[in-house]
Amino acid sequence: MRLPVGTQLNKYVLLERLGGGSFGDVYRAQDRATNSICALKCIEVDPTTSIDLVLQEARNLKACQSQHIVDIASADVVAIGSATVVSIDMEYLPDGSLERQIETFGISYGDALTANRHMLLGLSSAHKHGIIHKDVKPANVMIDGSIYKLSDFGISYVKQTAVGMPLTYEPNAAPELLTSGVPDERTDVYAAGMTLFRSAFLYGSTSIDAQKIVDWEASGRRLCLPEFIGFPRHFPRRLKAVIKTATDPNPLKRYQTASEMLTALEKLKIAKCWRKTDLAEWSADVTGKTHRLEVKKISKGWELCYSVQGRRRNADCSTYGTELAALKALDEAIAKSVLT
């Protein structure tokens, strides 16, 4: 049920629809009692679904609150005409999601690693409380200034009671989850690995072509899905290794916990915090100086030019006969220099 702006739900008035999907819509709303702004998630309860099951999201958020999980204030059940709606009052984070940031403005390698470390801290907290998220993806990593927070526990699963929505986000779903339907820490680790893979694209669409997944299944899953799809050339070797372990089709070969994956990710230290600013240009701030790598057309072909504060560093510039060769060299230079 998509509610019009201006709708009043008890003490809340809806100001703007922020987004949503098959399991509810999220609105920027005002709490008229305090004049505060919140993110209000509204979920119409299907007559065949228990209200208690829908309220499980609020309980799970409350149970595993941490610095890296979106805060929840309260939940309520509201009647709108003949419909029953569960509303969940959560903190409003105007910077939006990691997915939106990547697709709209782009992020640096430093941003990508920090976002995924924080996401894994939030995931570890949830797992300590016996809660499996089941929906880890860039769209569910929210930005709060320099802090990133895991959100949307709408289809999460409680191990102790085996209670949860029988749904999952299929593009990031571990193979065994789609086969058996039983989630555990390792299925969340798989989704975290796919999230790391997608967020490290850094700029543009983070979506995965559904046909690629079909082809991967048909191939017998001999490679991990990111390797089958193909890593962008600018990915450093050690980042690829973390992603490959996290997304191994065999759950026994994966990181067994979010904390174990976090430990591996924390070993990756940024040397130059490259950000993709154009198809043929990257920049990084190094000790207050702007370093730039870019491909330019010259009279004798194409040049990969390295500059610091606008001044060429001739020893690090090179020429190529084709634009494709120069762009390949650009990506390889990023991959070799981004980590220490």
C-alpha atoms as a PDB file:
ATOM      1  CA  MET A   1       0.000   0.000   0.000  1.00  0.00           C
ATOM      2  CA  ARG A   2       1.547   3.282  -1.128  1.00  0.00           C
ATOM      3  CA  LEU A   3       0.246   6.048   1.112  1.00  0.00           C
ATOM      4  CA  PRO A   4      -0.104   9.631  -0.162  1.00  0.00           C
ATOM      5  CA  VAL A   5       1.991  12.431   1.290  1.00  0.00           C
ATOM      6  CA  GLY A   6       0.044  14.116   4.078  1.00  0.00           C
ATOM      7  CA  THR A   7      -1.429  10.873   5.415  1.00  0.00           C
ATOM      8  CA  GLN A   8      -1.632  10.848   9.222  1.00  0.00           C
ATOM      9  CA  LEU A   9      -0.853   7.660  11.112  1.00  0.00           C
ATOM     10  CA  ASN A  10      -1.663   8.374  14.743  1.00  0.00           C
ATOM     11  CA  LYS A  11       0.956  10.941  15.797  1.00  0.00           C
ATOM     12  CA  TYR A  12       2.880  10.804  12.486  1.00  0.00           C
ATOM     13  CA  VAL A  13       2.328  12.743   9.267  1.00  0.00           C
ATOM     14  CA  LEU A  14       3.968  11.465   6.078  1.00  0.00           C
ATOM     15  CA  LEU A  15       6.101  14.111   4.352  1.00  0.00           C
ATOM     16  CA  GLU A  16       7.888  12.257   1.550  1.00  0.00           C
ATOM     17  CA  ARG A  17       8.215   8.709   0.229  1.00  0.00           C
ATOM     18  CA  LEU A  18      11.874   7.698   0.446  1.00  0.00           C
ATOM     19  CA  GLY A  19      11.615   4.303  -1.199  1.00  0.00           C
ATOM     20  CA  GLY A  20      10.277   0.824  -0.778  1.00  0.00           C
ATOM     21  CA  GLY A  21       9.696  -2.523  -2.353  1.00  0.00           C
ATOM     22  CA  SER A  22       7.752  -5.736  -1.971  1.00  0.00           C
ATOM     23  CA  PHE A  23       7.846  -5.541   1.814  1.00  0.00           C
ATOM     24  CA  GLY A  24       6.745  -2.045   2.760  1.00  0.00           C
ATOM     25  CA  ASP A  25       7.481   1.586   1.979  1.00  0.00           C
ATOM     26  CA  VAL A  26       9.632   4.055   3.901  1.00  0.00           C
ATOM     27  CA  TYR A  27       8.618   7.682   4.374  1.00  0.00           C
ATOM     28  CA  ARG A  28      10.202  10.763   5.842  1.00  0.00           C
ATOM     29  CA  ALA A  29       7.688  11.575   8.541  1.00  0.00           C
ATOM     30  CA  GLN A  30       7.157  14.060  11.323  1.00  0.00           C
ATOM     31  CA  ASP A  31       6.342  13.016  14.854  1.00  0.00           C
ATOM     32  CA  ARG A  32       3.759  15.676  15.745  1.00  0.00           C
ATOM     33  CA  ALA A  33       4.246  15.071  19.473  1.00  0.00           C
ATOM     34  CA  THR A  34       7.921  16.069  19.414  1.00  0.00           C
ATOM     35  CA  ASN A  35       8.230  17.807  16.005  1.00  0.00           C
ATOM     36  CA  SER A  36      11.100  15.422  15.248  1.00  0.00           C
ATOM     37  CA  ILE A  37      11.737  13.821  11.848  1.00  0.00           C
ATOM     38  CA  CYS A  38      11.988  10.071  11.459  1.00  0.00           C
ATOM     39  CA  ALA A  39      12.029   7.382   8.795  1.00  0.00           C
ATOM     40  CA  LEU A  40       8.696   5.602   9.107  1.00  0.00           C
ATOM     41  CA  LYS A  41       8.426   2.176   7.528  1.00  0.00           C
ATOM     42  CA  CYS A  42       4.836   1.226   6.703  1.00  0.00           C
ATOM     43  CA  ILE A  43       3.965  -2.399   5.998  1.00  0.00           C
ATOM     44  CA  GLU A  44       0.503  -3.503   5.000  1.00  0.00           C
ATOM     45  CA  VAL A  45      -0.247  -6.793   6.717  1.00  0.00           C
ATOM     46  CA  ASP A  46      -1.577  -9.419   4.360  1.00  0.00           C
ATOM     47  CA  PRO A  47      -4.638 -11.156   5.843  1.00  0.00           C
ATOM     48  CA  THR A  48      -2.811 -14.484   5.591  1.00  0.00           C
ATOM     49  CA  THR A  49       0.243 -13.167   7.500  1.00  0.00           C
ATOM     50  CA  SER A  50       0.522 -12.885  11.260  1.00  0.00           C
ATOM     51  CA  ILE A  51       0.887  -9.304  12.586  1.00  0.00           C
ATOM     52  CA  ASP A  52       3.301 -10.759  15.106  1.00  0.00           C
ATOM     53  CA  LEU A  53       5.549 -11.975  12.271  1.00  0.00           C
ATOM     54  CA  VAL A  54       5.562  -8.524  10.651  1.00  0.00           C
ATOM     55  CA  LEU A  55       6.434  -6.932  14.004  1.00  0.00           C
ATOM     56  CA  GLN A  56       9.444  -9.252  14.202  1.00  0.00           C
ATOM     57  CA  GLU A  57      11.485  -6.713  12.209  1.00  0.00           C
ATOM     58  CA  ALA A  58      11.041  -4.123  14.955  1.00  0.00           C
ATOM     59  CA  ARG A  59      11.904  -6.664  17.652  1.00  0.00           C
ATOM     60  CA  ASN A  60      15.021  -7.754  15.786  1.00  0.00           C
ATOM     61  CA  LEU A  61      16.194  -4.157  15.310  1.00  0.00           C
ATOM     62  CA  LYS A  62      15.653  -3.467  18.994  1.00  0.00           C
ATOM     63  CA  ALA A  63      17.428  -6.654  20.068  1.00  0.00           C
ATOM     64  CA  CYS A  64      20.650  -6.020  18.157  1.00  0.00           C
ATOM     65  CA  GLN A  65      21.053  -2.259  18.347  1.00  0.00           C
ATOM     66  CA  SER A  66      24.604  -1.048  17.864  1.00  0.00           C
ATOM     67  CA  GLN A  67      26.474   1.914  16.417  1.00  0.00           C
ATOM     68  CA  HIS A  68      26.330   0.214  13.015  1.00  0.00           C
ATOM     69  CA  ILE A  69      22.659  -0.751  12.934  1.00  0.00           C
ATOM     70  CA  VAL A  70      19.908   1.775  12.242  1.00  0.00           C
ATOM     71  CA  ASP A  71      18.236   2.897  15.483  1.00  0.00           C
ATOM     72  CA  ILE A  72      14.577   2.127  16.132  1.00  0.00           C
ATOM     73  CA  ALA A  73      12.323   4.199  18.393  1.00  0.00           C
ATOM     74  CA  SER A  74       9.015   2.335  18.348  1.00  0.00           C
ATOM     75  CA  ALA A  75       6.509   0.289  16.373  1.00  0.00           C
ATOM     76  CA  ASP A  76       2.729   0.416  16.143  1.00  0.00           C
ATOM     77  CA  VAL A  77      -0.244  -1.230  14.445  1.00  0.00           C
ATOM     78  CA  VAL A  78      -2.606   1.154  12.645  1.00  0.00           C
ATOM     79  CA  ALA A  79      -5.919   0.622  10.847  1.00  0.00           C
ATOM     80  CA  ILE A  80      -6.318   2.494   7.533  1.00  0.00           C
ATOM     81  CA  GLY A  81      -9.794   1.785   6.255  1.00  0.00           C
ATOM     82  CA  SER A  82     -10.052  -1.989   6.016  1.00  0.00           C
ATOM     83  CA  ALA A  83      -6.267  -2.433   5.902  1.00  0.00           C
ATOM     84  CA  THR A  84      -3.921  -3.113   8.811  1.00  0.00           C
ATOM     85  CA  VAL A  85      -0.550  -1.380   8.676  1.00  0.00           C
ATOM     86  CA  VAL A  86       2.509  -1.903  10.876  1.00  0.00           C
ATOM     87  CA  SER A  87       4.562   1.288  11.247  1.00  0.00           C
ATOM     88  CA  ILE A  88       8.169   1.256  12.462  1.00  0.00           C
ATOM     89  CA  ASP A  89       9.742   4.525  13.640  1.00  0.00           C
ATOM     90  CA  MET A  90      13.474   4.561  12.773  1.00  0.00           C
ATOM     91  CA  GLU A  91      16.153   7.242  12.692  1.00  0.00           C
ATOM     92  CA  TYR A  92      16.106   9.383   9.571  1.00  0.00           C
ATOM     93  CA  LEU A  93      19.415   9.401   7.698  1.00  0.00           C
ATOM     94  CA  PRO A  94      19.218  12.057   4.951  1.00  0.00           C
ATOM     95  CA  ASP A  95      22.459  10.951   3.249  1.00  0.00           C
ATOM     96  CA  GLY A  96      20.637   7.849   2.025  1.00  0.00           C
ATOM     97  CA  SER A  97      22.109   4.469   1.133  1.00  0.00           C
ATOM     98  CA  LEU A  98      25.498   3.294  -0.076  1.00  0.00           C
ATOM     99  CA  GLU A  99      23.864   2.151  -3.319  1.00  0.00           C
ATOM    100  CA  ARG A 100      22.420   5.613  -3.965  1.00  0.00           C
ATOM    101  CA  GLN A 101      25.757   7.260  -3.190  1.00  0.00           C
ATOM    102  CA  ILE A 102      27.605   4.996  -5.638  1.00  0.00           C
ATOM    103  CA  GLU A 103      25.059   5.413  -8.406  1.00  0.00           C
ATOM    104  CA  THR A 104      24.659   9.183  -7.970  1.00  0.00           C
ATOM    105  CA  PHE A 105      28.042  10.586  -6.931  1.00  0.00           C
ATOM    106  CA  GLY A 106      30.514   7.713  -6.725  1.00  0.00           C
ATOM    107  CA  ILE A 107      32.708   6.808  -3.767  1.00  0.00           C
ATOM    108  CA  SER A 108      36.419   6.313  -3.138  1.00  0.00           C
ATOM    109  CA  TYR A 109      38.141   3.027  -2.350  1.00  0.00           C
ATOM    110  CA  GLY A 110      38.446   4.273   1.246  1.00  0.00           C
ATOM    111  CA  ASP A 111      34.685   4.832   1.415  1.00  0.00           C
ATOM    112  CA  ALA A 112      34.021   1.349   0.042  1.00  0.00           C
ATOM    113  CA  LEU A 113      36.254  -0.397   2.578  1.00  0.00           C
ATOM    114  CA  THR A 114      34.941   1.674   5.497  1.00  0.00           C
ATOM    115  CA  ALA A 115      31.313   1.067   4.516  1.00  0.00           C
ATOM    116  CA  ASN A 116      31.839  -2.687   4.340  1.00  0.00           C
ATOM    117  CA  ARG A 117      33.782  -2.813   7.609  1.00  0.00           C
ATOM    118  CA  HIS A 118      30.982  -0.968   9.372  1.00  0.00           C
ATOM    119  CA  MET A 119      28.380  -3.204   7.713  1.00  0.00           C
ATOM    120  CA  LEU A 120      30.251  -6.271   9.019  1.00  0.00           C
ATOM    121  CA  LEU A 121      30.342  -4.786  12.535  1.00  0.00           C
ATOM    122  CA  GLY A 122      26.569  -4.376  12.387  1.00  0.00           C
ATOM    123  CA  LEU A 123      26.168  -7.884  10.994  1.00  0.00           C
ATOM    124  CA  SER A 124      28.381  -9.309  13.768  1.00  0.00           C
ATOM    125  CA  SER A 125      26.175  -7.627  16.355  1.00  0.00           C
ATOM    126  CA  ALA A 126      23.055  -9.144  14.805  1.00  0.00           C
ATOM    127  CA  HIS A 127      24.648 -12.595  14.696  1.00  0.00           C
ATOM    128  CA  LYS A 128      25.610 -12.384  18.390  1.00  0.00           C
ATOM    129  CA  HIS A 129      21.901 -12.028  19.099  1.00  0.00           C
ATOM    130  CA  GLY A 130      21.037 -15.012  16.908  1.00  0.00           C
ATOM    131  CA  ILE A 131      19.586 -12.875  14.108  1.00  0.00           C
ATOM    132  CA  ILE A 132      20.387 -13.598  10.451  1.00  0.00           C
ATOM    133  CA  HIS A 133      19.787 -10.573   8.234  1.00  0.00           C
ATOM    134  CA  LYS A 134      19.113 -12.303   4.853  1.00  0.00           C
ATOM    135  CA  ASP A 135      19.025  -9.016   2.920  1.00  0.00           C
ATOM    136  CA  VAL A 136      22.561  -7.608   2.996  1.00  0.00           C
ATOM    137  CA  LYS A 137      23.130  -5.364  -0.044  1.00  0.00           C
ATOM    138  CA  PRO A 138      24.370  -1.833  -0.818  1.00  0.00           C
ATOM    139  CA  ALA A 139      20.800  -0.470  -0.678  1.00  0.00           C
ATOM    140  CA  ASN A 140      20.562  -1.598   2.953  1.00  0.00           C
ATOM    141  CA  VAL A 141      23.786   0.074   4.096  1.00  0.00           C
ATOM    142  CA  MET A 142      22.819   3.580   5.219  1.00  0.00           C
ATOM    143  CA  ILE A 143      25.101   6.603   5.570  1.00  0.00           C
ATOM    144  CA  ASP A 144      25.224   8.662   8.764  1.00  0.00           C
ATOM    145  CA  GLY A 145      28.065  11.133   8.144  1.00  0.00           C
ATOM    146  CA  SER A 146      31.252   9.079   8.460  1.00  0.00           C
ATOM    147  CA  ILE A 147      29.344   6.110   9.926  1.00  0.00           C
ATOM    148  CA  TYR A 148      27.616   3.376   7.933  1.00  0.00           C
ATOM    149  CA  LYS A 149      24.683   1.434   9.371  1.00  0.00           C
ATOM    150  CA  LEU A 150      22.979  -1.811   8.398  1.00  0.00           C
ATOM    151  CA  SER A 151      19.227  -1.401   7.891  1.00  0.00           C
ATOM    152  CA  ASP A 152      16.071  -3.263   6.815  1.00  0.00           C
ATOM    153  CA  PHE A 153      15.605  -6.367   8.936  1.00  0.00           C
ATOM    154  CA  GLY A 154      12.244  -7.007   7.273  1.00  0.00           C
ATOM    155  CA  ILE A 155      13.043 -10.572   6.181  1.00  0.00           C
ATOM    156  CA  SER A 156      15.516 -11.399   8.969  1.00  0.00           C
ATOM    157  CA  TYR A 157      15.490 -14.783  10.686  1.00  0.00           C
ATOM    158  CA  VAL A 158      15.790 -15.625  14.392  1.00  0.00           C
ATOM    159  CA  LYS A 159      17.833 -18.794  14.830  1.00  0.00           C
ATOM    160  CA  GLN A 160      16.534 -19.656  18.303  1.00  0.00           C
ATOM    161  CA  THR A 161      12.891 -19.699  17.238  1.00  0.00           C
ATOM    162  CA  ALA A 162      13.367 -20.351  13.499  1.00  0.00           C
ATOM    163  CA  VAL A 163      11.018 -17.427  12.861  1.00  0.00           C
ATOM    164  CA  GLY A 164      11.380 -15.200   9.806  1.00  0.00           C
ATOM    165  CA  MET A 165       9.875 -14.248   6.488  1.00  0.00           C
ATOM    166  CA  PRO A 166      10.357 -16.983   3.830  1.00  0.00           C
ATOM    167  CA  LEU A 167      12.062 -14.527   1.474  1.00  0.00           C
ATOM    168  CA  THR A 168      15.584 -13.542   0.491  1.00  0.00           C
ATOM    169  CA  TYR A 169      17.321 -11.126  -1.859  1.00  0.00           C
ATOM    170  CA  GLU A 170      18.206 -13.547  -4.641  1.00  0.00           C
ATOM    171  CA  PRO A 171      21.056 -11.662  -6.444  1.00  0.00           C
ATOM    172  CA  ASN A 172      23.093 -11.818  -3.198  1.00  0.00           C
ATOM    173  CA  ALA A 173      21.751 -15.145  -1.945  1.00  0.00           C
ATOM    174  CA  ALA A 174      24.119 -17.995  -1.160  1.00  0.00           C
ATOM    175  CA  PRO A 175      23.467 -21.083  -3.312  1.00  0.00           C
ATOM    176  CA  GLU A 176      22.577 -23.267  -0.327  1.00  0.00           C
ATOM    177  CA  LEU A 177      20.017 -20.707   0.890  1.00  0.00           C
ATOM    178  CA  LEU A 178      18.127 -20.964  -2.391  1.00  0.00           C
ATOM    179  CA  THR A 179      18.344 -24.778  -2.192  1.00  0.00           C
ATOM    180  CA  SER A 180      17.550 -25.476   1.456  1.00  0.00           C
ATOM    181  CA  GLY A 181      15.985 -22.219   2.543  1.00  0.00           C
ATOM    182  CA  VAL A 182      17.790 -22.406   5.894  1.00  0.00           C
ATOM    183  CA  PRO A 183      19.884 -19.287   6.627  1.00  0.00           C
ATOM    184  CA  ASP A 184      22.887 -19.065   8.929  1.00  0.00           C
ATOM    185  CA  GLU A 185      25.884 -16.791   9.525  1.00  0.00           C
ATOM    186  CA  ARG A 186      27.604 -18.093   6.391  1.00  0.00           C
ATOM    187  CA  THR A 187      24.697 -17.152   4.119  1.00  0.00           C
ATOM    188  CA  ASP A 188      24.980 -13.593   5.457  1.00  0.00           C
ATOM    189  CA  VAL A 189      28.759 -13.723   4.879  1.00  0.00           C
ATOM    190  CA  TYR A 190      28.081 -14.661   1.259  1.00  0.00           C
ATOM    191  CA  ALA A 191      25.742 -11.667   0.865  1.00  0.00           C
ATOM    192  CA  ALA A 192      28.365  -9.466   2.538  1.00  0.00           C
ATOM    193  CA  GLY A 193      30.941 -10.652  -0.012  1.00  0.00           C
ATOM    194  CA  MET A 194      28.582  -9.793  -2.858  1.00  0.00           C
ATOM    195  CA  THR A 195      27.972  -6.390  -1.254  1.00  0.00           C
ATOM    196  CA  LEU A 196      31.725  -5.764  -1.061  1.00  0.00           C
ATOM    197  CA  PHE A 197      32.074  -6.797  -4.717  1.00  0.00           C
ATOM    198  CA  ARG A 198      29.255  -4.511  -5.864  1.00  0.00           C
ATOM    199  CA  SER A 199      30.261  -1.495  -3.752  1.00  0.00           C
ATOM    200  CA  ALA A 200      33.867  -1.690  -4.985  1.00  0.00           C
ATOM    201  CA  PHE A 201      32.607  -0.830  -8.484  1.00  0.00           C
ATOM    202  CA  LEU A 202      32.774   2.673  -6.888  1.00  0.00           C
ATOM    203  CA  TYR A 203      30.716   4.489  -9.521  1.00  0.00           C
ATOM    204  CA  GLY A 204      27.581   3.769 -11.532  1.00  0.00           C
ATOM    205  CA  SER A 205      25.195   0.832 -11.369  1.00  0.00           C
ATOM    206  CA  THR A 206      25.859  -1.854  -8.756  1.00  0.00           C
ATOM    207  CA  SER A 207      23.251  -4.264 -10.122  1.00  0.00           C
ATOM    208  CA  ILE A 208      24.039  -7.819 -11.189  1.00  0.00           C
ATOM    209  CA  ASP A 209      22.672  -9.076 -14.511  1.00  0.00           C
ATOM    210  CA  ALA A 210      20.189 -11.847 -13.666  1.00  0.00           C
ATOM    211  CA  GLN A 211      21.240 -13.766 -16.797  1.00  0.00           C
ATOM    212  CA  LYS A 212      24.797 -13.925 -15.433  1.00  0.00           C
ATOM    213  CA  ILE A 213      23.484 -15.757 -12.370  1.00  0.00           C
ATOM    214  CA  VAL A 214      21.525 -18.179 -14.569  1.00  0.00           C
ATOM    215  CA  ASP A 215      24.656 -18.844 -16.665  1.00  0.00           C
ATOM    216  CA  TRP A 216      26.718 -19.330 -13.499  1.00  0.00           C
ATOM    217  CA  GLU A 217      24.245 -21.903 -12.177  1.00  0.00           C
ATOM    218  CA  ALA A 218      24.351 -23.699 -15.531  1.00  0.00           C
ATOM    219  CA  SER A 219      28.171 -23.740 -15.436  1.00  0.00           C
ATOM    220  CA  GLY A 220      28.121 -25.789 -12.241  1.00  0.00           C
ATOM    221  CA  ARG A 221      29.419 -22.959 -10.016  1.00  0.00           C
ATOM    222  CA  ARG A 222      33.039 -23.950 -10.538  1.00  0.00           C
ATOM    223  CA  LEU A 223      34.053 -20.344  -9.839  1.00  0.00           C
ATOM    224  CA  CYS A 224      32.624 -17.935  -7.293  1.00  0.00           C
ATOM    225  CA  LEU A 225      29.975 -15.689  -8.838  1.00  0.00           C
ATOM    226  CA  PRO A 226      32.086 -12.474  -8.861  1.00  0.00           C
ATOM    227  CA  GLU A 227      34.910 -14.306 -10.621  1.00  0.00           C
ATOM    228  CA  PHE A 228      32.448 -15.774 -13.130  1.00  0.00           C
ATOM    229  CA  ILE A 229      30.992 -12.311 -13.807  1.00  0.00           C
ATOM    230  CA  GLY A 230      34.492 -10.857 -13.983  1.00  0.00           C
ATOM    231  CA  PHE A 231      36.286  -8.541 -11.598  1.00  0.00           C
ATOM    232  CA  PRO A 232      36.795  -4.984 -12.881  1.00  0.00           C
ATOM    233  CA  ARG A 233      40.478  -4.461 -13.723  1.00  0.00           C
ATOM    234  CA  HIS A 234      40.876  -1.789 -11.046  1.00  0.00           C
ATOM    235  CA  PHE A 235      40.227  -4.294  -8.223  1.00  0.00           C
ATOM    236  CA  PRO A 236      43.479  -4.986  -6.307  1.00  0.00           C
ATOM    237  CA  ARG A 237      44.513  -8.623  -5.981  1.00  0.00           C
ATOM    238  CA  ARG A 238      44.064  -8.831  -2.203  1.00  0.00           C
ATOM    239  CA  LEU A 239      40.549  -7.365  -2.391  1.00  0.00           C
ATOM    240  CA  LYS A 240      39.643 -10.015  -4.955  1.00  0.00           C
ATOM    241  CA  ALA A 241      40.938 -12.683  -2.553  1.00  0.00           C
ATOM    242  CA  VAL A 242      38.644 -11.493   0.265  1.00  0.00           C
ATOM    243  CA  ILE A 243      35.638 -11.420  -2.064  1.00  0.00           C
ATOM    244  CA  LYS A 244      36.405 -14.873  -3.492  1.00  0.00           C
ATOM    245  CA  THR A 245      36.625 -16.413  -0.024  1.00  0.00           C
ATOM    246  CA  ALA A 246      33.424 -14.709   1.188  1.00  0.00           C
ATOM    247  CA  THR A 247      31.465 -15.837  -1.893  1.00  0.00           C
ATOM    248  CA  ASP A 248      32.824 -19.362  -2.265  1.00  0.00           C
ATOM    249  CA  PRO A 249      29.926 -21.598  -3.426  1.00  0.00           C
ATOM    250  CA  ASN A 250      30.957 -24.088  -0.735  1.00  0.00           C
ATOM    251  CA  PRO A 251      29.945 -22.663   2.674  1.00  0.00           C
ATOM    252  CA  LEU A 252      32.691 -24.674   4.397  1.00  0.00           C
ATOM    253  CA  LYS A 253      35.332 -22.740   2.430  1.00  0.00           C
ATOM    254  CA  ARG A 254      33.903 -19.295   3.235  1.00  0.00           C
ATOM    255  CA  TYR A 255      34.681 -17.093   6.195  1.00  0.00           C
ATOM    256  CA  GLN A 256      32.580 -18.788   8.839  1.00  0.00           C
ATOM    257  CA  THR A 257      31.545 -15.584  10.605  1.00  0.00           C
ATOM    258  CA  ALA A 258      31.154 -11.900   9.829  1.00  0.00           C
ATOM    259  CA  SER A 259      33.906 -11.208  12.368  1.00  0.00           C
ATOM    260  CA  GLU A 260      36.300 -13.482  10.469  1.00  0.00           C
ATOM    261  CA  MET A 261      35.566 -11.633   7.224  1.00  0.00           C
ATOM    262  CA  LEU A 262      35.992  -8.301   9.025  1.00  0.00           C
ATOM    263  CA  THR A 263      39.442  -9.371  10.243  1.00  0.00           C
ATOM    264  CA  ALA A 264      40.463 -10.172   6.651  1.00  0.00           C
ATOM    265  CA  LEU A 265      39.098  -6.862   5.374  1.00  0.00           C
ATOM    266  CA  GLU A 266      40.860  -4.856   8.090  1.00  0.00           C
ATOM    267  CA  LYS A 267      44.201  -6.127   6.791  1.00  0.00           C
ATOM    268  CA  LEU A 268      43.642  -4.139   3.587  1.00  0.00           C
ATOM    269  CA  LYS A 269      45.219  -0.717   4.154  1.00  0.00           C
ATOM    270  CA  ILE A 270      44.711   2.154   1.746  1.00  0.00           C
ATOM    271  CA  ALA A 271      47.869   3.682   0.256  1.00  0.00           C
ATOM    272  CA  LYS A 272      46.203   6.028  -2.219  1.00  0.00           C
ATOM    273  CA  CYS A 273      42.497   6.626  -1.770  1.00  0.00           C
ATOM    274  CA  TRP A 274      41.596   6.610  -5.456  1.00  0.00           C
ATOM    275  CA  ARG A 275      38.201   7.858  -6.604  1.00  0.00           C
ATOM    276  CA  LYS A 276      36.931   7.389 -10.148  1.00  0.00           C
ATOM    277  CA  THR A 277      35.981  10.820 -11.461  1.00  0.00           C
ATOM    278  CA  ASP A 278      35.397   9.888 -15.106  1.00  0.00           C
ATOM    279  CA  LEU A 279      35.693   6.921 -17.464  1.00  0.00           C
ATOM    280  CA  ALA A 280      39.343   7.796 -18.071  1.00  0.00           C
ATOM    281  CA  GLU A 281      40.289   9.646 -14.885  1.00  0.00           C
ATOM    282  CA  TRP A 282      41.021   8.862 -11.232  1.00  0.00           C
ATOM    283  CA  SER A 283      42.086  11.184  -8.434  1.00  0.00           C
ATOM    284  CA  ALA A 284      43.358  10.768  -4.888  1.00  0.00           C
ATOM    285  CA  ASP A 285      44.296  13.107  -2.071  1.00  0.00           C
ATOM    286  CA  VAL A 286      47.707  12.115  -0.669  1.00  0.00           C
ATOM    287  CA  THR A 287      48.975  14.179   2.270  1.00  0.00           C
ATOM    288  CA  GLY A 288      47.013  17.181   1.075  1.00  0.00           C
ATOM    289  CA  LYS A 289      48.097  16.942  -2.561  1.00  0.00           C
ATOM    290  CA  THR A 290      45.870  15.894  -5.444  1.00  0.00           C
ATOM    291  CA  HIS A 291      47.231  12.981  -7.456  1.00  0.00           C
ATOM    292  CA  ARG A 292      45.576  12.346 -10.819  1.00  0.00           C
ATOM    293  CA  LEU A 293      45.810   9.494 -13.312  1.00  0.00           C
ATOM    294  CA  GLU A 294      44.100  10.093 -16.631  1.00  0.00           C
ATOM    295  CA  VAL A 295      44.092   8.948 -20.243  1.00  0.00           C
ATOM    296  CA  LYS A 296      44.508  11.687 -22.852  1.00  0.00           C
ATOM    297  CA  LYS A 297      44.524  11.746 -26.656  1.00  0.00           C
ATOM    298  CA  ILE A 298      47.853  12.886 -28.079  1.00  0.00           C
ATOM    299  CA  SER A 299      49.179  13.237 -31.622  1.00  0.00           C
ATOM    300  CA  LYS A 300      50.894   9.841 -31.599  1.00  0.00           C
ATOM    301  CA  GLY A 301      48.146   7.856 -29.871  1.00  0.00           C
ATOM    302  CA  TRP A 302      47.047   7.897 -26.244  1.00  0.00           C
ATOM    303  CA  GLU A 303      48.867   8.858 -23.063  1.00  0.00           C
ATOM    304  CA  LEU A 304      48.446   7.710 -19.493  1.00  0.00           C
ATOM    305  CA  CYS A 305      49.390  10.847 -17.589  1.00  0.00           C
ATOM    306  CA  TYR A 306      50.253  11.009 -13.885  1.00  0.00           C
ATOM    307  CA  SER A 307      50.207  14.434 -12.239  1.00  0.00           C
ATOM    308  CA  VAL A 308      50.523  15.820  -8.721  1.00  0.00           C
ATOM    309  CA  GLN A 309      48.913  19.188  -8.042  1.00  0.00           C
ATOM    310  CA  GLY A 310      48.568  19.613 -11.793  1.00  0.00           C
ATOM    311  CA  ARG A 311      52.267  19.001 -12.515  1.00  0.00           C
ATOM    312  CA  ARG A 312      53.222  16.044 -14.700  1.00  0.00           C
ATOM    313  CA  ARG A 313      55.302  13.290 -13.212  1.00  0.00           C
ATOM    314  CA  ASN A 314      57.056  12.278 -16.416  1.00  0.00           C
ATOM    315  CA  ALA A 315      58.567   9.091 -15.025  1.00  0.00           C
ATOM    316  CA  ASP A 316      55.061   7.738 -14.389  1.00  0.00           C
ATOM    317  CA  CYS A 317      53.564   8.734 -17.761  1.00  0.00           C
ATOM    318  CA  SER A 318      53.419   6.364 -20.725  1.00  0.00           C
ATOM    319  CA  THR A 319      52.019   6.256 -24.263  1.00  0.00           C
ATOM    320  CA  TYR A 320      49.895   3.623 -26.046  1.00  0.00           C
ATOM    321  CA  GLY A 321      48.793   2.998 -29.587  1.00  0.00           C
ATOM    322  CA  THR A 322      45.096   2.596 -28.735  1.00  0.00           C
ATOM    323  CA  GLU A 323      42.689   4.074 -26.223  1.00  0.00           C
ATOM    324  CA  LEU A 324      41.750   0.577 -25.051  1.00  0.00           C
ATOM    325  CA  ALA A 325      45.367  -0.235 -24.176  1.00  0.00           C
ATOM    326  CA  ALA A 326      45.724   3.059 -22.307  1.00  0.00           C
ATOM    327  CA  LEU A 327      42.515   2.476 -20.318  1.00  0.00           C
ATOM    328  CA  LYS A 328      43.676  -1.020 -19.415  1.00  0.00           C
ATOM    329  CA  ALA A 329      46.980   0.411 -18.169  1.00  0.00           C
ATOM    330  CA  LEU A 330      45.059   3.021 -16.166  1.00  0.00           C
ATOM    331  CA  ASP A 331      42.982   0.397 -14.361  1.00  0.00           C
ATOM    332  CA  GLU A 332      46.042  -1.763 -13.709  1.00  0.00           C
ATOM    333  CA  ALA A 333      47.881   1.198 -12.233  1.00  0.00           C
ATOM    334  CA  ILE A 334      44.989   1.816  -9.848  1.00  0.00           C
ATOM    335  CA  ALA A 335      44.881  -1.854  -8.832  1.00  0.00           C
ATOM    336  CA  LYS A 336      48.617  -1.858  -8.048  1.00  0.00           C
ATOM    337  CA  SER A 337      48.702   1.392  -6.071  1.00  0.00           C
ATOM    338  CA  VAL A 338      45.483   1.584  -4.046  1.00  0.00           C
ATOM    339  CA  LEU A 339      46.620  -0.693  -1.206  1.00  0.00           C
ATOM    340  CA  THR A 340      49.845  -0.697   0.779  1.00  0.00           C
END
